[in-house]
Amino acid sequence: TVGEFKRDFSAVLKRVQAGEEIAISYGKNKAI
């Protein structure tokens, strides 16, 4: 979710650099 992404921004970027793909969802229906 956007909240998780904001909270863990630096860790998320490290995961992406390591090769992982991450989707960010938003809103009540959690649309990507």
PDB file of all heavy atoms in Angstrom:
ATOM      1  N   THR A   1       0.856  -1.184   0.000  1.00  0.00           N
ATOM      2  CA  THR A   1       0.000   0.000   0.000  1.00  0.00           C
ATOM      3  C   THR A   1       0.895   1.238   0.000  1.00  0.00           C
ATOM      4  O   THR A   1       2.097   1.156   0.271  1.00  0.00           O
ATOM      5  CB  THR A   1      -0.915   0.040   1.234  1.00  0.00           C
ATOM      6  OG1 THR A   1      -0.093   0.147   2.393  1.00  0.00           O
ATOM      7  CG2 THR A   1      -1.789  -1.200   1.306  1.00  0.00           C
ATOM      8  N   VAL A   2       0.307   2.384  -0.274  1.00  0.00           N
ATOM      9  CA  VAL A   2       1.068   3.632  -0.271  1.00  0.00           C
ATOM     10  C   VAL A   2       1.684   3.875   1.101  1.00  0.00           C
ATOM     11  O   VAL A   2       2.845   4.281   1.210  1.00  0.00           O
ATOM     12  CB  VAL A   2       0.168   4.820  -0.689  1.00  0.00           C
ATOM     13  CG1 VAL A   2       0.893   6.132  -0.522  1.00  0.00           C
ATOM     14  CG2 VAL A   2      -0.290   4.661  -2.123  1.00  0.00           C
ATOM     15  N   GLY A   3       0.938   3.600   2.163  1.00  0.00           N
ATOM     16  CA  GLY A   3       1.449   3.795   3.519  1.00  0.00           C
ATOM     17  C   GLY A   3       2.663   2.932   3.808  1.00  0.00           C
ATOM     18  O   GLY A   3       3.651   3.401   4.389  1.00  0.00           O
ATOM     19  N   GLU A   4       2.599   1.671   3.421  1.00  0.00           N
ATOM     20  CA  GLU A   4       3.748   0.777   3.616  1.00  0.00           C
ATOM     21  C   GLU A   4       4.946   1.260   2.812  1.00  0.00           C
ATOM     22  O   GLU A   4       6.082   1.248   3.290  1.00  0.00           O
ATOM     23  CB  GLU A   4       3.388  -0.651   3.186  1.00  0.00           C
ATOM     24  CG  GLU A   4       2.368  -1.329   4.056  1.00  0.00           C
ATOM     25  CD  GLU A   4       1.870  -2.629   3.454  1.00  0.00           C
ATOM     26  OE1 GLU A   4       1.868  -2.778   2.208  1.00  0.00           O
ATOM     27  OE2 GLU A   4       1.482  -3.500   4.240  1.00  0.00           O
ATOM     28  N   PHE A   5       4.677   1.689   1.599  1.00  0.00           N
ATOM     29  CA  PHE A   5       5.749   2.178   0.741  1.00  0.00           C
ATOM     30  C   PHE A   5       6.425   3.401   1.348  1.00  0.00           C
ATOM     31  O   PHE A   5       7.652   3.484   1.393  1.00  0.00           O
ATOM     32  CB  PHE A   5       5.193   2.501  -0.647  1.00  0.00           C
ATOM     33  CG  PHE A   5       6.206   3.113  -1.575  1.00  0.00           C
ATOM     34  CD1 PHE A   5       7.275   2.372  -2.043  1.00  0.00           C
ATOM     35  CD2 PHE A   5       6.077   4.421  -1.991  1.00  0.00           C
ATOM     36  CE1 PHE A   5       8.209   2.930  -2.897  1.00  0.00           C
ATOM     37  CE2 PHE A   5       6.999   4.988  -2.846  1.00  0.00           C
ATOM     38  CZ  PHE A   5       8.067   4.239  -3.302  1.00  0.00           C
ATOM     39  N   LYS A   6       5.628   4.360   1.833  1.00  0.00           N
ATOM     40  CA  LYS A   6       6.194   5.568   2.443  1.00  0.00           C
ATOM     41  C   LYS A   6       7.006   5.228   3.686  1.00  0.00           C
ATOM     42  O   LYS A   6       8.087   5.765   3.902  1.00  0.00           O
ATOM     43  CB  LYS A   6       5.074   6.554   2.805  1.00  0.00           C
ATOM     44  CG  LYS A   6       4.504   7.249   1.587  1.00  0.00           C
ATOM     45  CD  LYS A   6       3.294   8.122   1.820  1.00  0.00           C
ATOM     46  CE  LYS A   6       3.135   8.769   3.132  1.00  0.00           C
ATOM     47  NZ  LYS A   6       1.962   9.642   3.223  1.00  0.00           N
ATOM     48  N   ARG A   7       6.495   4.317   4.491  1.00  0.00           N
ATOM     49  CA  ARG A   7       7.165   3.951   5.743  1.00  0.00           C
ATOM     50  C   ARG A   7       8.508   3.269   5.480  1.00  0.00           C
ATOM     51  O   ARG A   7       9.488   3.524   6.174  1.00  0.00           O
ATOM     52  CB  ARG A   7       6.255   3.035   6.560  1.00  0.00           C
ATOM     53  CG  ARG A   7       6.848   2.606   7.890  1.00  0.00           C
ATOM     54  CD  ARG A   7       6.001   1.562   8.577  1.00  0.00           C
ATOM     55  NE  ARG A   7       6.077   0.314   7.795  1.00  0.00           N
ATOM     56  CZ  ARG A   7       5.079  -0.529   7.639  1.00  0.00           C
ATOM     57  NH1 ARG A   7       3.898  -0.288   8.177  1.00  0.00           N
ATOM     58  NH2 ARG A   7       5.231  -1.624   6.930  1.00  0.00           N
ATOM     59  N   ASP A   8       8.564   2.413   4.475  1.00  0.00           N
ATOM     60  CA  ASP A   8       9.749   1.591   4.226  1.00  0.00           C
ATOM     61  C   ASP A   8      10.467   1.977   2.936  1.00  0.00           C
ATOM     62  O   ASP A   8      11.071   1.129   2.279  1.00  0.00           O
ATOM     63  CB  ASP A   8       9.352   0.115   4.150  1.00  0.00           C
ATOM     64  CG  ASP A   8       8.686  -0.370   5.416  1.00  0.00           C
ATOM     65  OD1 ASP A   8       9.050   0.117   6.495  1.00  0.00           O
ATOM     66  OD2 ASP A   8       7.798  -1.243   5.321  1.00  0.00           O
ATOM     67  N   PHE A   9      10.419   3.239   2.579  1.00  0.00           N
ATOM     68  CA  PHE A   9      10.931   3.692   1.286  1.00  0.00           C
ATOM     69  C   PHE A   9      12.353   3.212   0.996  1.00  0.00           C
ATOM     70  O   PHE A   9      12.619   2.614  -0.045  1.00  0.00           O
ATOM     71  CB  PHE A   9      10.862   5.228   1.208  1.00  0.00           C
ATOM     72  CG  PHE A   9      11.320   5.781  -0.105  1.00  0.00           C
ATOM     73  CD1 PHE A   9      10.517   5.677  -1.221  1.00  0.00           C
ATOM     74  CD2 PHE A   9      12.553   6.398  -0.228  1.00  0.00           C
ATOM     75  CE1 PHE A   9      10.931   6.185  -2.446  1.00  0.00           C
ATOM     76  CE2 PHE A   9      12.977   6.904  -1.438  1.00  0.00           C
ATOM     77  CZ  PHE A   9      12.161   6.805  -2.551  1.00  0.00           C
ATOM     78  N   SER A  10      13.281   3.453   1.902  1.00  0.00           N
ATOM     79  CA  SER A  10      14.682   3.074   1.670  1.00  0.00           C
ATOM     80  C   SER A  10      14.828   1.565   1.509  1.00  0.00           C
ATOM     81  O   SER A  10      15.548   1.088   0.626  1.00  0.00           O
ATOM     82  CB  SER A  10      15.567   3.557   2.819  1.00  0.00           C
ATOM     83  OG  SER A  10      15.581   4.962   2.846  1.00  0.00           O
ATOM     84  N   ALA A  11      14.144   0.805   2.348  1.00  0.00           N
ATOM     85  CA  ALA A  11      14.222  -0.657   2.264  1.00  0.00           C
ATOM     86  C   ALA A  11      13.616  -1.158   0.957  1.00  0.00           C
ATOM     87  O   ALA A  11      14.125  -2.103   0.341  1.00  0.00           O
ATOM     88  CB  ALA A  11      13.511  -1.293   3.454  1.00  0.00           C
ATOM     89  N   VAL A  12      12.540  -0.507   0.511  1.00  0.00           N
ATOM     90  CA  VAL A  12      11.900  -0.895  -0.746  1.00  0.00           C
ATOM     91  C   VAL A  12      12.859  -0.665  -1.915  1.00  0.00           C
ATOM     92  O   VAL A  12      13.007  -1.515  -2.795  1.00  0.00           O
ATOM     93  CB  VAL A  12      10.587  -0.115  -0.962  1.00  0.00           C
ATOM     94  CG1 VAL A  12      10.040  -0.327  -2.358  1.00  0.00           C
ATOM     95  CG2 VAL A  12       9.558  -0.527   0.071  1.00  0.00           C
ATOM     96  N   LEU A  13      13.554   0.471  -1.918  1.00  0.00           N
ATOM     97  CA  LEU A  13      14.504   0.750  -2.996  1.00  0.00           C
ATOM     98  C   LEU A  13      15.636  -0.277  -3.014  1.00  0.00           C
ATOM     99  O   LEU A  13      16.079  -0.702  -4.083  1.00  0.00           O
ATOM    100  CB  LEU A  13      15.070   2.158  -2.874  1.00  0.00           C
ATOM    101  CG  LEU A  13      14.096   3.286  -3.197  1.00  0.00           C
ATOM    102  CD1 LEU A  13      14.788   4.632  -3.079  1.00  0.00           C
ATOM    103  CD2 LEU A  13      13.491   3.123  -4.573  1.00  0.00           C
ATOM    104  N   LYS A  14      16.090  -0.698  -1.855  1.00  0.00           N
ATOM    105  CA  LYS A  14      17.136  -1.721  -1.796  1.00  0.00           C
ATOM    106  C   LYS A  14      16.626  -3.042  -2.360  1.00  0.00           C
ATOM    107  O   LYS A  14      17.352  -3.754  -3.063  1.00  0.00           O
ATOM    108  CB  LYS A  14      17.627  -1.904  -0.366  1.00  0.00           C
ATOM    109  CG  LYS A  14      18.482  -0.742   0.100  1.00  0.00           C
ATOM    110  CD  LYS A  14      18.963  -0.938   1.513  1.00  0.00           C
ATOM    111  CE  LYS A  14      19.742   0.298   1.953  1.00  0.00           C
ATOM    112  NZ  LYS A  14      20.173   0.218   3.344  1.00  0.00           N
ATOM    113  N   ARG A  15      15.373  -3.380  -2.069  1.00  0.00           N
ATOM    114  CA  ARG A  15      14.793  -4.616  -2.602  1.00  0.00           C
ATOM    115  C   ARG A  15      14.686  -4.560  -4.122  1.00  0.00           C
ATOM    116  O   ARG A  15      14.953  -5.539  -4.813  1.00  0.00           O
ATOM    117  CB  ARG A  15      13.421  -4.865  -1.982  1.00  0.00           C
ATOM    118  CG  ARG A  15      13.502  -5.284  -0.524  1.00  0.00           C
ATOM    119  CD  ARG A  15      12.172  -5.261   0.176  1.00  0.00           C
ATOM    120  NE  ARG A  15      11.176  -6.131  -0.421  1.00  0.00           N
ATOM    121  CZ  ARG A  15       9.921  -6.206  -0.009  1.00  0.00           C
ATOM    122  NH1 ARG A  15       9.509  -5.479   1.026  1.00  0.00           N
ATOM    123  NH2 ARG A  15       9.076  -7.004  -0.600  1.00  0.00           N
ATOM    124  N   VAL A  16      14.321  -3.378  -4.635  1.00  0.00           N
ATOM    125  CA  VAL A  16      14.218  -3.211  -6.092  1.00  0.00           C
ATOM    126  C   VAL A  16      15.606  -3.311  -6.721  1.00  0.00           C
ATOM    127  O   VAL A  16      15.787  -3.952  -7.756  1.00  0.00           O
ATOM    128  CB  VAL A  16      13.534  -1.878  -6.449  1.00  0.00           C
ATOM    129  CG1 VAL A  16      13.623  -1.593  -7.941  1.00  0.00           C
ATOM    130  CG2 VAL A  16      12.082  -1.893  -5.998  1.00  0.00           C
ATOM    131  N   GLN A  17      16.601  -2.704  -6.096  1.00  0.00           N
ATOM    132  CA  GLN A  17      17.965  -2.795  -6.609  1.00  0.00           C
ATOM    133  C   GLN A  17      18.453  -4.242  -6.624  1.00  0.00           C
ATOM    134  O   GLN A  17      19.245  -4.624  -7.481  1.00  0.00           O
ATOM    135  CB  GLN A  17      18.923  -1.960  -5.761  1.00  0.00           C
ATOM    136  CG  GLN A  17      18.802  -0.477  -6.006  1.00  0.00           C
ATOM    137  CD  GLN A  17      19.727   0.329  -5.118  1.00  0.00           C
ATOM    138  OE1 GLN A  17      20.004  -0.068  -3.988  1.00  0.00           O
ATOM    139  NE2 GLN A  17      20.193   1.451  -5.624  1.00  0.00           N
ATOM    140  N   ALA A  18      17.964  -5.045  -5.697  1.00  0.00           N
ATOM    141  CA  ALA A  18      18.345  -6.454  -5.630  1.00  0.00           C
ATOM    142  C   ALA A  18      17.632  -7.293  -6.687  1.00  0.00           C
ATOM    143  O   ALA A  18      17.889  -8.482  -6.818  1.00  0.00           O
ATOM    144  CB  ALA A  18      18.053  -7.006  -4.239  1.00  0.00           C
ATOM    145  N   GLY A  19      16.691  -6.695  -7.442  1.00  0.00           N
ATOM    146  CA  GLY A  19      16.039  -7.396  -8.530  1.00  0.00           C
ATOM    147  C   GLY A  19      14.560  -7.680  -8.339  1.00  0.00           C
ATOM    148  O   GLY A  19      13.921  -8.259  -9.202  1.00  0.00           O
ATOM    149  N   GLU A  20      13.984  -7.283  -7.220  1.00  0.00           N
ATOM    150  CA  GLU A  20      12.571  -7.563  -6.943  1.00  0.00           C
ATOM    151  C   GLU A  20      11.674  -6.503  -7.591  1.00  0.00           C
ATOM    152  O   GLU A  20      12.031  -5.337  -7.660  1.00  0.00           O
ATOM    153  CB  GLU A  20      12.345  -7.558  -5.427  1.00  0.00           C
ATOM    154  CG  GLU A  20      10.979  -7.999  -5.017  1.00  0.00           C
ATOM    155  CD  GLU A  20      10.834  -8.103  -3.501  1.00  0.00           C
ATOM    156  OE1 GLU A  20      11.843  -8.061  -2.777  1.00  0.00           O
ATOM    157  OE2 GLU A  20       9.680  -8.203  -3.055  1.00  0.00           O
ATOM    158  N   GLU A  21      10.512  -6.938  -8.079  1.00  0.00           N
ATOM    159  CA  GLU A  21       9.521  -6.013  -8.613  1.00  0.00           C
ATOM    160  C   GLU A  21       8.471  -5.777  -7.525  1.00  0.00           C
ATOM    161  O   GLU A  21       8.010  -6.719  -6.897  1.00  0.00           O
ATOM    162  CB  GLU A  21       8.845  -6.593  -9.852  1.00  0.00           C
ATOM    163  CG  GLU A  21       9.778  -6.706 -11.027  1.00  0.00           C
ATOM    164  CD  GLU A  21       9.072  -7.176 -12.274  1.00  0.00           C
ATOM    165  OE1 GLU A  21       7.826  -7.271 -12.281  1.00  0.00           O
ATOM    166  OE2 GLU A  21       9.775  -7.456 -13.246  1.00  0.00           O
ATOM    167  N   ILE A  22       8.095  -4.505  -7.339  1.00  0.00           N
ATOM    168  CA  ILE A  22       7.136  -4.152  -6.294  1.00  0.00           C
ATOM    169  C   ILE A  22       6.045  -3.282  -6.892  1.00  0.00           C
ATOM    170  O   ILE A  22       6.319  -2.298  -7.578  1.00  0.00           O
ATOM    171  CB  ILE A  22       7.831  -3.426  -5.124  1.00  0.00           C
ATOM    172  CG1 ILE A  22       8.858  -4.359  -4.494  1.00  0.00           C
ATOM    173  CG2 ILE A  22       6.819  -2.947  -4.101  1.00  0.00           C
ATOM    174  CD1 ILE A  22       9.651  -3.792  -3.362  1.00  0.00           C
ATOM    175  N   ALA A  23       4.782  -3.663  -6.619  1.00  0.00           N
ATOM    176  CA  ALA A  23       3.630  -2.889  -7.077  1.00  0.00           C
ATOM    177  C   ALA A  23       3.099  -2.075  -5.908  1.00  0.00           C
ATOM    178  O   ALA A  23       3.141  -2.512  -4.755  1.00  0.00           O
ATOM    179  CB  ALA A  23       2.548  -3.814  -7.607  1.00  0.00           C
ATOM    180  N   ILE A  24       2.580  -0.881  -6.200  1.00  0.00           N
ATOM    181  CA  ILE A  24       2.033  -0.005  -5.165  1.00  0.00           C
ATOM    182  C   ILE A  24       0.535   0.130  -5.402  1.00  0.00           C
ATOM    183  O   ILE A  24       0.101   0.498  -6.483  1.00  0.00           O
ATOM    184  CB  ILE A  24       2.715   1.375  -5.195  1.00  0.00           C
ATOM    185  CG1 ILE A  24       4.228   1.194  -4.991  1.00  0.00           C
ATOM    186  CG2 ILE A  24       2.131   2.293  -4.141  1.00  0.00           C
ATOM    187  CD1 ILE A  24       5.029   2.429  -5.240  1.00  0.00           C
ATOM    188  N   SER A  25      -0.246  -0.186  -4.362  1.00  0.00           N
ATOM    189  CA  SER A  25      -1.707  -0.103  -4.475  1.00  0.00           C
ATOM    190  C   SER A  25      -2.208   1.128  -3.736  1.00  0.00           C
ATOM    191  O   SER A  25      -1.570   1.631  -2.816  1.00  0.00           O
ATOM    192  CB  SER A  25      -2.360  -1.368  -3.917  1.00  0.00           C
ATOM    193  OG  SER A  25      -2.090  -1.487  -2.538  1.00  0.00           O
ATOM    194  N   TYR A  26      -3.407   1.603  -4.157  1.00  0.00           N
ATOM    195  CA  TYR A  26      -3.934   2.844  -3.612  1.00  0.00           C
ATOM    196  C   TYR A  26      -5.456   2.766  -3.539  1.00  0.00           C
ATOM    197  O   TYR A  26      -6.107   2.163  -4.385  1.00  0.00           O
ATOM    198  CB  TYR A  26      -3.519   4.011  -4.517  1.00  0.00           C
ATOM    199  CG  TYR A  26      -3.997   5.357  -4.070  1.00  0.00           C
ATOM    200  CD1 TYR A  26      -3.433   5.995  -2.986  1.00  0.00           C
ATOM    201  CD2 TYR A  26      -5.034   5.994  -4.746  1.00  0.00           C
ATOM    202  CE1 TYR A  26      -3.871   7.240  -2.581  1.00  0.00           C
ATOM    203  CE2 TYR A  26      -5.477   7.239  -4.349  1.00  0.00           C
ATOM    204  CZ  TYR A  26      -4.890   7.851  -3.255  1.00  0.00           C
ATOM    205  OH  TYR A  26      -5.332   9.079  -2.862  1.00  0.00           O
ATOM    206  N   GLY A  27      -6.011   3.379  -2.535  1.00  0.00           N
ATOM    207  CA  GLY A  27      -7.464   3.503  -2.415  1.00  0.00           C
ATOM    208  C   GLY A  27      -8.115   2.338  -1.686  1.00  0.00           C
ATOM    209  O   GLY A  27      -7.468   1.389  -1.280  1.00  0.00           O
ATOM    210  N   LYS A  28      -9.437   2.457  -1.538  1.00  0.00           N
ATOM    211  CA  LYS A  28     -10.193   1.427  -0.827  1.00  0.00           C
ATOM    212  C   LYS A  28     -10.165   0.083  -1.541  1.00  0.00           C
ATOM    213  O   LYS A  28     -10.134  -0.965  -0.914  1.00  0.00           O
ATOM    214  CB  LYS A  28     -11.646   1.875  -0.652  1.00  0.00           C
ATOM    215  CG  LYS A  28     -11.803   3.017   0.311  1.00  0.00           C
ATOM    216  CD  LYS A  28     -13.265   3.391   0.449  1.00  0.00           C
ATOM    217  CE  LYS A  28     -13.410   4.572   1.392  1.00  0.00           C
ATOM    218  NZ  LYS A  28     -14.805   4.974   1.542  1.00  0.00           N
ATOM    219  N   ASN A  29     -10.181   0.129  -2.875  1.00  0.00           N
ATOM    220  CA  ASN A  29     -10.176  -1.132  -3.619  1.00  0.00           C
ATOM    221  C   ASN A  29      -8.760  -1.661  -3.861  1.00  0.00           C
ATOM    222  O   ASN A  29      -8.591  -2.673  -4.513  1.00  0.00           O
ATOM    223  CB  ASN A  29     -10.920  -0.981  -4.944  1.00  0.00           C
ATOM    224  CG  ASN A  29     -10.284   0.047  -5.842  1.00  0.00           C
ATOM    225  OD1 ASN A  29      -9.335   0.716  -5.457  1.00  0.00           O
ATOM    226  ND2 ASN A  29     -10.806   0.186  -7.038  1.00  0.00           N
ATOM    227  N   LYS A  30      -7.768  -0.961  -3.349  1.00  0.00           N
ATOM    228  CA  LYS A  30      -6.360  -1.352  -3.440  1.00  0.00           C
ATOM    229  C   LYS A  30      -5.927  -1.643  -4.885  1.00  0.00           C
ATOM    230  O   LYS A  30      -5.272  -2.637  -5.173  1.00  0.00           O
ATOM    231  CB  LYS A  30      -6.085  -2.558  -2.553  1.00  0.00           C
ATOM    232  CG  LYS A  30      -6.483  -2.336  -1.101  1.00  0.00           C
ATOM    233  CD  LYS A  30      -5.385  -2.742  -0.188  1.00  0.00           C
ATOM    234  CE  LYS A  30      -5.859  -2.717   1.253  1.00  0.00           C
ATOM    235  NZ  LYS A  30      -5.620  -1.505   1.928  1.00  0.00           N
ATOM    236  N   ALA A  31      -6.304  -0.754  -5.778  1.00  0.00           N
ATOM    237  CA  ALA A  31      -5.918  -0.889  -7.182  1.00  0.00           C
ATOM    238  C   ALA A  31      -4.438  -0.567  -7.348  1.00  0.00           C
ATOM    239  O   ALA A  31      -3.922   0.377  -6.756  1.00  0.00           O
ATOM    240  CB  ALA A  31      -6.745   0.054  -8.051  1.00  0.00           C
ATOM    241  N   ILE A  32      -3.764  -1.350  -8.157  1.00  0.00           N
ATOM    242  CA  ILE A  32      -2.342  -1.107  -8.405  1.00  0.00           C
ATOM    243  C   ILE A  32      -2.210   0.115  -9.310  1.00  0.00           C
ATOM    244  O   ILE A  32      -2.790   0.169 -10.392  1.00  0.00           O
ATOM    245  CB  ILE A  32      -1.687  -2.339  -9.048  1.00  0.00           C
ATOM    246  CG1 ILE A  32      -1.697  -3.494  -8.051  1.00  0.00           C
ATOM    247  CG2 ILE A  32      -0.262  -2.027  -9.494  1.00  0.00           C
ATOM    248  CD1 ILE A  32      -1.180  -4.799  -8.602  1.00  0.00           C
TER     249      ILE A  32
END
